[in-house]
Amino acid sequence: MSATVVIHQPDFVPYLGFFHRLLHADLYVALDHVQLARQGCWTRRDKIKTSKGACWISLSTRKCELSTPIKDVELSDSSSWRASNLNLLRENYRAAPFFKPVFEPLEQVYGMPFEHMADLNLALIDLVCEWLAIRIPRITSSTLAPAGSKSEMIAGIVAAVGGTRYLSGLGARDYHEQDPFVRRGIDVIWQEFRHPVYPQQFGEFIPSLSVVDALFNCGPQATADMLRSA
């Protein structure tokens, strides 16, 4: 039987397209052994919608060396950033139709004593997958001792977990190399995702926000239905 694998960093409450890929895969490998990106990093931040437009919501992490793997990045000791994040969500989504049933579980996860960023992110991803009825097993790349970098590394991970297909986001086209996959007999599938337009607060629709925007505005069931028709 063919197995489709998704490999992606454990991002912070990522956008709908991330969960669309999980919906069409058999295994999610959380890429936690690579170092944290310093520019354009979605692993510790994403965007929500406010009355002033899109706004960043971010995790606070302790300073670390550039070479620190994602799995070893520690959250800041201060609890103030957690309260700040929850207040940001509360202020901007309290009038949304599904505020309470979405906010309260998020608040519970935020209250858990996670020390590492990746653990918090994966707990939030698990929560969203539960809401969206996405049932997919997960392992972390750090348990596989992967070698190489970029496409060679990705193809090696797919082979190591017995995958025959790799489902990739379109953003990887710029640095994708086909040869490592061909040598291992792995098919590369490019995600086909049409971002749904759904009711939002605060005027004109803004796409590619954190998944929490859709959940607050539409609720888990409608968001799951949108994802399956996207």
Protein backbone atom coordinates (compact mmCIF):
# COMPACT_ATOMS: atom_id res chain seq x y z
CA MET A 1 0.00 0.00 0.00
CA SER A 2 1.29 3.45 -0.88
CA ALA A 3 1.87 5.85 1.98
CA THR A 4 1.73 9.62 1.59
CA VAL A 5 3.97 11.61 3.92
CA VAL A 6 3.87 15.27 4.91
CA ILE A 7 7.01 16.80 6.42
CA HIS A 8 6.81 20.25 7.95
CA GLN A 9 8.09 22.23 10.90
CA PRO A 10 5.80 22.25 13.95
CA ASP A 11 4.51 25.77 13.25
CA PHE A 12 2.51 27.95 15.63
CA VAL A 13 -1.26 27.63 14.96
CA PRO A 14 -0.65 27.52 11.17
CA TYR A 15 -3.02 28.46 8.37
CA LEU A 16 -5.70 26.28 6.82
CA GLY A 17 -3.42 25.00 4.05
CA PHE A 18 -1.23 23.20 6.58
CA PHE A 19 -4.18 21.17 7.84
CA HIS A 20 -5.37 20.57 4.28
CA ARG A 21 -2.11 18.69 3.66
CA LEU A 22 -2.54 16.59 6.80
CA LEU A 23 -6.04 15.71 5.62
CA HIS A 24 -4.58 14.15 2.46
CA ALA A 25 -1.67 12.26 4.03
CA ASP A 26 -1.03 9.07 5.97
CA LEU A 27 1.77 10.34 8.21
CA TYR A 28 2.98 13.72 9.48
CA VAL A 29 6.68 14.04 10.26
CA ALA A 30 7.24 17.11 12.42
CA LEU A 31 10.54 18.55 11.23
CA ASP A 32 11.98 19.41 14.63
CA HIS A 33 15.70 18.61 14.22
CA VAL A 34 16.48 21.53 11.89
CA GLN A 35 17.48 24.92 13.21
CA LEU A 36 14.97 27.67 13.80
CA ALA A 37 14.73 30.06 10.85
CA ARG A 38 15.59 33.66 11.72
CA GLN A 39 13.71 35.32 8.88
CA GLY A 40 10.06 34.75 7.98
CA CYS A 41 9.69 32.25 10.79
CA TRP A 42 6.19 30.79 11.16
CA THR A 43 7.34 28.43 13.91
CA ARG A 44 6.82 31.04 16.59
CA ARG A 45 4.29 33.42 15.07
CA ASP A 46 1.28 33.73 12.78
CA LYS A 47 -1.34 36.33 11.91
CA ILE A 48 -4.85 36.95 13.15
CA LYS A 49 -7.37 39.57 12.04
CA THR A 50 -8.09 42.73 14.01
CA SER A 51 -10.06 45.92 13.41
CA LYS A 52 -6.81 47.36 12.04
CA GLY A 53 -6.15 44.46 9.68
CA ALA A 54 -3.80 41.48 9.98
CA CYS A 55 -1.73 41.42 13.16
CA TRP A 56 1.05 39.13 14.40
CA ILE A 57 0.50 36.87 17.40
CA SER A 58 3.82 35.48 18.63
CA LEU A 59 5.38 33.10 21.10
CA SER A 60 8.15 34.38 23.33
CA THR A 61 11.29 32.23 23.36
CA ARG A 62 14.57 32.35 25.22
CA LYS A 63 17.66 33.51 23.34
CA CYS A 64 19.57 30.64 21.78
CA GLU A 65 22.41 29.92 19.39
CA LEU A 66 21.69 30.11 15.66
CA SER A 67 22.34 26.37 15.36
CA THR A 68 19.75 25.40 17.99
CA PRO A 69 17.33 22.76 16.67
CA ILE A 70 13.64 23.63 16.80
CA LYS A 71 13.04 20.89 19.36
CA ASP A 72 15.45 22.54 21.81
CA VAL A 73 14.12 26.11 21.59
CA GLU A 74 12.79 27.02 25.03
CA LEU A 75 9.80 29.19 25.80
CA SER A 76 10.39 32.30 27.89
CA ASP A 77 10.02 31.79 31.63
CA SER A 78 7.73 34.79 31.98
CA SER A 79 4.03 34.02 31.79
CA SER A 80 3.20 37.53 30.59
CA TRP A 81 3.42 36.60 26.90
CA ARG A 82 0.88 33.84 27.42
CA ALA A 83 -1.55 36.30 29.00
CA SER A 84 -0.81 38.80 26.25
CA ASN A 85 -1.61 36.26 23.53
CA LEU A 86 -4.85 35.24 25.19
CA ASN A 87 -5.84 38.87 25.67
CA LEU A 88 -5.12 39.56 22.00
CA LEU A 89 -7.41 36.69 20.98
CA ARG A 90 -10.07 37.70 23.48
CA GLU A 91 -10.17 41.33 22.41
CA ASN A 92 -10.39 40.57 18.71
CA TYR A 93 -12.64 37.51 18.65
CA ARG A 94 -14.96 37.92 21.64
CA ALA A 95 -17.78 38.96 19.29
CA ALA A 96 -17.13 36.07 16.91
CA PRO A 97 -19.89 33.42 16.74
CA PHE A 98 -17.76 30.59 18.13
CA PHE A 99 -15.56 32.49 20.57
CA LYS A 100 -16.28 30.54 23.75
CA PRO A 101 -16.05 26.93 22.49
CA VAL A 102 -12.77 27.72 20.71
CA PHE A 103 -11.15 30.08 23.21
CA GLU A 104 -11.58 27.93 26.30
CA PRO A 105 -9.67 24.88 24.96
CA LEU A 106 -6.96 27.18 23.59
CA GLU A 107 -6.67 28.77 27.02
CA GLN A 108 -6.29 25.32 28.59
CA VAL A 109 -3.39 24.42 26.28
CA TYR A 110 -1.73 27.76 27.00
CA GLY A 111 -1.98 26.95 30.69
CA MET A 112 -0.03 23.70 30.36
CA PRO A 113 3.57 23.80 31.69
CA PHE A 114 5.37 23.41 28.38
CA GLU A 115 9.05 24.34 28.46
CA HIS A 116 9.79 23.96 24.75
CA MET A 117 8.21 25.78 21.84
CA ALA A 118 7.77 22.65 19.71
CA ASP A 119 5.81 20.89 22.45
CA LEU A 120 3.35 23.77 22.75
CA ASN A 121 2.99 24.04 18.97
CA LEU A 122 2.34 20.32 18.58
CA ALA A 123 -0.25 20.41 21.37
CA LEU A 124 -2.04 23.23 19.55
CA ILE A 125 -1.82 21.32 16.25
CA ASP A 126 -3.28 18.26 17.99
CA LEU A 127 -6.15 20.36 19.32
CA VAL A 128 -6.96 21.76 15.88
CA CYS A 129 -6.74 18.29 14.32
CA GLU A 130 -9.23 17.07 16.91
CA TRP A 131 -11.61 19.90 16.03
CA LEU A 132 -11.23 19.23 12.30
CA ALA A 133 -11.53 15.42 12.64
CA ILE A 134 -8.07 14.92 11.11
CA ARG A 135 -6.74 11.62 12.39
CA ILE A 136 -3.16 11.17 11.26
CA PRO A 137 -0.22 9.60 13.12
CA ARG A 138 2.81 11.78 13.80
CA ILE A 139 6.48 11.26 14.49
CA THR A 140 9.30 13.75 14.90
CA SER A 141 12.26 13.93 12.54
CA SER A 142 14.65 14.02 15.51
CA THR A 143 13.85 10.36 16.20
CA LEU A 144 15.04 9.35 12.72
CA ALA A 145 18.62 10.72 12.70
CA PRO A 146 18.15 12.18 9.19
CA ALA A 147 21.19 13.02 7.06
CA GLY A 148 21.80 15.66 4.42
CA SER A 149 19.88 18.85 3.81
CA LYS A 150 17.02 20.22 1.74
CA SER A 151 15.60 17.74 -0.80
CA GLU A 152 18.13 15.02 0.05
CA MET A 153 17.12 15.18 3.70
CA ILE A 154 13.38 15.25 2.94
CA ALA A 155 13.59 12.30 0.55
CA GLY A 156 15.64 10.39 3.11
CA ILE A 157 13.01 10.95 5.78
CA VAL A 158 10.20 9.77 3.49
CA ALA A 159 12.18 6.62 2.70
CA ALA A 160 13.01 6.03 6.37
CA VAL A 161 9.33 5.93 7.34
CA GLY A 162 8.38 3.71 4.41
CA GLY A 163 6.68 6.40 2.40
CA THR A 164 6.19 6.15 -1.36
CA ARG A 165 4.70 9.62 -1.90
CA TYR A 166 5.70 13.03 -0.58
CA LEU A 167 3.00 15.69 -0.41
CA SER A 168 4.67 19.08 -0.59
CA GLY A 169 3.45 22.62 -0.24
CA LEU A 170 3.92 24.90 -3.24
CA GLY A 171 6.39 27.08 -1.34
CA ALA A 172 9.03 24.36 -1.67
CA ARG A 173 9.17 24.59 -5.49
CA ASP A 174 11.92 27.22 -5.35
CA TYR A 175 14.44 24.86 -3.78
CA HIS A 176 13.05 21.44 -4.75
CA GLU A 177 15.41 18.91 -6.36
CA GLN A 178 13.78 15.90 -7.95
CA ASP A 179 16.75 13.53 -8.14
CA PRO A 180 16.83 12.47 -4.44
CA PHE A 181 13.20 11.35 -4.74
CA VAL A 182 13.70 9.59 -8.08
CA ARG A 183 16.63 7.60 -6.68
CA ARG A 184 14.43 6.34 -3.88
CA GLY A 185 11.36 5.66 -6.01
CA ILE A 186 9.31 8.34 -4.26
CA ASP A 187 6.60 10.30 -6.08
CA VAL A 188 6.37 14.00 -5.31
CA ILE A 189 2.84 15.41 -5.17
CA TRP A 190 2.26 19.15 -5.10
CA GLN A 191 -0.55 20.35 -2.89
CA GLU A 192 -3.63 21.69 -4.65
CA PHE A 193 -5.31 24.03 -2.21
CA ARG A 194 -7.90 26.69 -2.97
CA HIS A 195 -8.18 28.93 0.05
CA PRO A 196 -11.85 29.14 1.05
CA VAL A 197 -13.52 32.49 1.59
CA TYR A 198 -15.54 32.53 4.80
CA PRO A 199 -17.29 35.13 6.97
CA GLN A 200 -14.81 37.27 8.89
CA GLN A 201 -15.12 40.22 11.21
CA PHE A 202 -13.71 43.64 10.38
CA GLY A 203 -14.45 44.11 6.71
CA GLU A 204 -12.79 42.71 3.61
CA PHE A 205 -11.67 39.08 3.66
CA ILE A 206 -7.99 38.40 4.42
CA PRO A 207 -6.68 34.93 3.44
CA SER A 208 -3.88 32.81 4.94
CA LEU A 209 -4.40 33.80 8.56
CA SER A 210 -3.92 31.40 11.44
CA VAL A 211 -6.51 28.63 11.48
CA VAL A 212 -7.94 30.14 14.66
CA ASP A 213 -9.53 32.90 12.57
CA ALA A 214 -11.71 30.39 10.72
CA LEU A 215 -12.44 28.48 13.92
CA PHE A 216 -13.62 31.54 15.83
CA ASN A 217 -15.73 32.80 12.94
CA CYS A 218 -17.14 29.57 11.54
CA GLY A 219 -16.71 26.94 14.24
CA PRO A 220 -14.94 23.57 14.06
CA GLN A 221 -17.59 21.72 12.01
CA ALA A 222 -17.93 24.35 9.28
CA THR A 223 -14.15 24.79 9.15
CA ALA A 224 -13.72 21.03 8.73
CA ASP A 225 -16.30 21.05 5.94
CA MET A 226 -14.53 23.95 4.19
CA LEU A 227 -11.22 22.16 4.40
CA ARG A 228 -12.61 19.04 2.79
CA SER A 229 -14.01 21.00 -0.14
CA ALA A 230 -10.94 23.22 -0.66
